[in-house]
């Protein structure tokens, strides 16, 4: 169970989507994506776990903003932004 507030969860989803849009040609694991977001100064001012990031990505996926990519080389799940995700980010949704 997440201890983040609704506002923090929304901020997390927006930050994750923004990072995916920035690197739209690449798919990232939730862990790598979260690390990239946390390196950006000022995006999030609270601590986030990989589990919370995965849950937030799940919401983005359910909305059609993110697709799930499998890897033929390594185990794991990778996430990539969709055109709908790019549009949603541009519109500030």
Protein backbone atom coordinates (compact mmCIF):
# COMPACT_ATOMS: atom_id res chain seq x y z
CA UNK A 1 0.00 0.00 0.00
CA UNK A 2 1.31 3.41 -0.96
CA UNK A 3 1.74 6.16 1.59
CA UNK A 4 1.70 8.83 -1.10
CA UNK A 5 -1.12 11.35 -1.25
CA UNK A 6 -3.34 11.69 -4.32
CA UNK A 7 -1.44 14.81 -5.29
CA UNK A 8 1.91 13.06 -4.96
CA UNK A 9 0.65 10.13 -7.04
CA UNK A 10 -0.50 12.54 -9.75
CA UNK A 11 2.88 14.32 -9.65
CA UNK A 12 4.63 10.94 -9.93
CA UNK A 13 2.53 9.90 -12.93
CA UNK A 14 3.20 13.25 -14.64
CA UNK A 15 6.95 13.02 -13.98
CA UNK A 16 7.14 9.45 -15.28
CA UNK A 17 5.18 10.35 -18.39
CA UNK A 18 7.35 13.43 -18.96
CA UNK A 19 10.49 11.30 -18.80
CA UNK A 20 9.05 8.75 -21.22
CA UNK A 21 8.12 11.55 -23.64
CA UNK A 22 11.64 12.98 -23.42
CA UNK A 23 13.10 9.62 -24.48
CA UNK A 24 10.16 8.46 -26.62
CA UNK A 25 12.26 6.16 -28.81
CA UNK A 26 13.44 4.11 -25.83
CA UNK A 27 11.71 1.72 -23.44
CA UNK A 28 12.76 1.66 -19.77
CA UNK A 29 12.20 -0.63 -16.83
CA UNK A 30 10.31 0.93 -13.94
CA UNK A 31 13.48 1.03 -11.86
CA UNK A 32 15.54 2.84 -14.50
CA UNK A 33 12.70 5.20 -15.29
CA UNK A 34 12.31 6.10 -11.61
CA UNK A 35 16.06 6.71 -11.28
CA UNK A 36 15.96 9.06 -14.28
CA UNK A 37 13.03 10.97 -12.77
CA UNK A 38 14.69 11.26 -9.36
CA UNK A 39 17.85 12.68 -10.96
CA UNK A 40 15.85 15.59 -12.33
CA UNK A 41 16.05 18.28 -9.68
CA UNK A 42 12.74 19.71 -8.56
CA UNK A 43 10.43 17.19 -10.24
CA UNK A 44 9.56 15.31 -7.07
CA UNK A 45 10.08 16.43 -3.50
CA UNK A 46 9.13 13.13 -1.86
CA UNK A 47 10.50 9.60 -1.74
CA UNK A 48 9.11 7.00 -4.11
CA UNK A 49 9.57 3.24 -4.22
CA UNK A 50 9.87 1.17 -7.38
CA UNK A 51 6.56 -0.46 -6.44
CA UNK A 52 4.86 2.93 -6.34
CA UNK A 53 6.42 3.80 -9.70
CA UNK A 54 5.19 0.50 -11.17
CA UNK A 55 1.67 1.23 -9.90
CA UNK A 56 1.78 4.73 -11.40
CA UNK A 57 2.99 3.31 -14.71
CA UNK A 58 0.11 0.83 -14.53
CA UNK A 59 -2.32 3.76 -14.41
CA UNK A 60 -0.59 5.34 -17.42
CA UNK A 61 -0.77 2.01 -19.24
CA UNK A 62 -4.47 1.62 -18.47
CA UNK A 63 -5.06 5.10 -19.90
CA UNK A 64 -3.28 4.12 -23.13
CA UNK A 65 -0.33 6.45 -22.55
CA UNK A 66 2.28 3.71 -22.14
CA UNK A 67 2.86 0.36 -23.82
CA UNK A 68 4.60 -2.63 -22.29
CA UNK A 69 7.59 -4.02 -24.15
CA UNK A 70 9.16 -7.38 -23.43
CA UNK A 71 12.84 -8.06 -23.91
CA UNK A 72 14.21 -10.96 -25.90
CA UNK A 73 17.59 -10.56 -24.23
CA UNK A 74 16.84 -9.87 -20.57
CA UNK A 75 14.00 -10.73 -18.26
CA UNK A 76 11.77 -7.91 -17.26
CA UNK A 77 9.19 -5.47 -18.45
CA UNK A 78 9.98 -2.23 -20.22
CA UNK A 79 7.72 0.75 -20.77
CA UNK A 80 7.51 3.12 -23.72
CA UNK A 81 5.29 6.14 -24.34
CA UNK A 82 2.53 5.96 -26.96
CA UNK A 83 1.45 8.76 -29.31
CA UNK A 84 -1.54 9.26 -27.01
CA UNK A 85 0.88 9.65 -24.10
CA UNK A 86 2.87 12.28 -25.97
CA UNK A 87 -0.32 14.18 -26.75
CA UNK A 88 -1.54 13.92 -23.14
CA UNK A 89 1.78 15.28 -21.90
CA UNK A 90 1.69 18.17 -24.36
CA UNK A 91 -1.82 19.01 -23.19
CA UNK A 92 -0.81 18.76 -19.53
CA UNK A 93 -3.22 15.93 -18.71
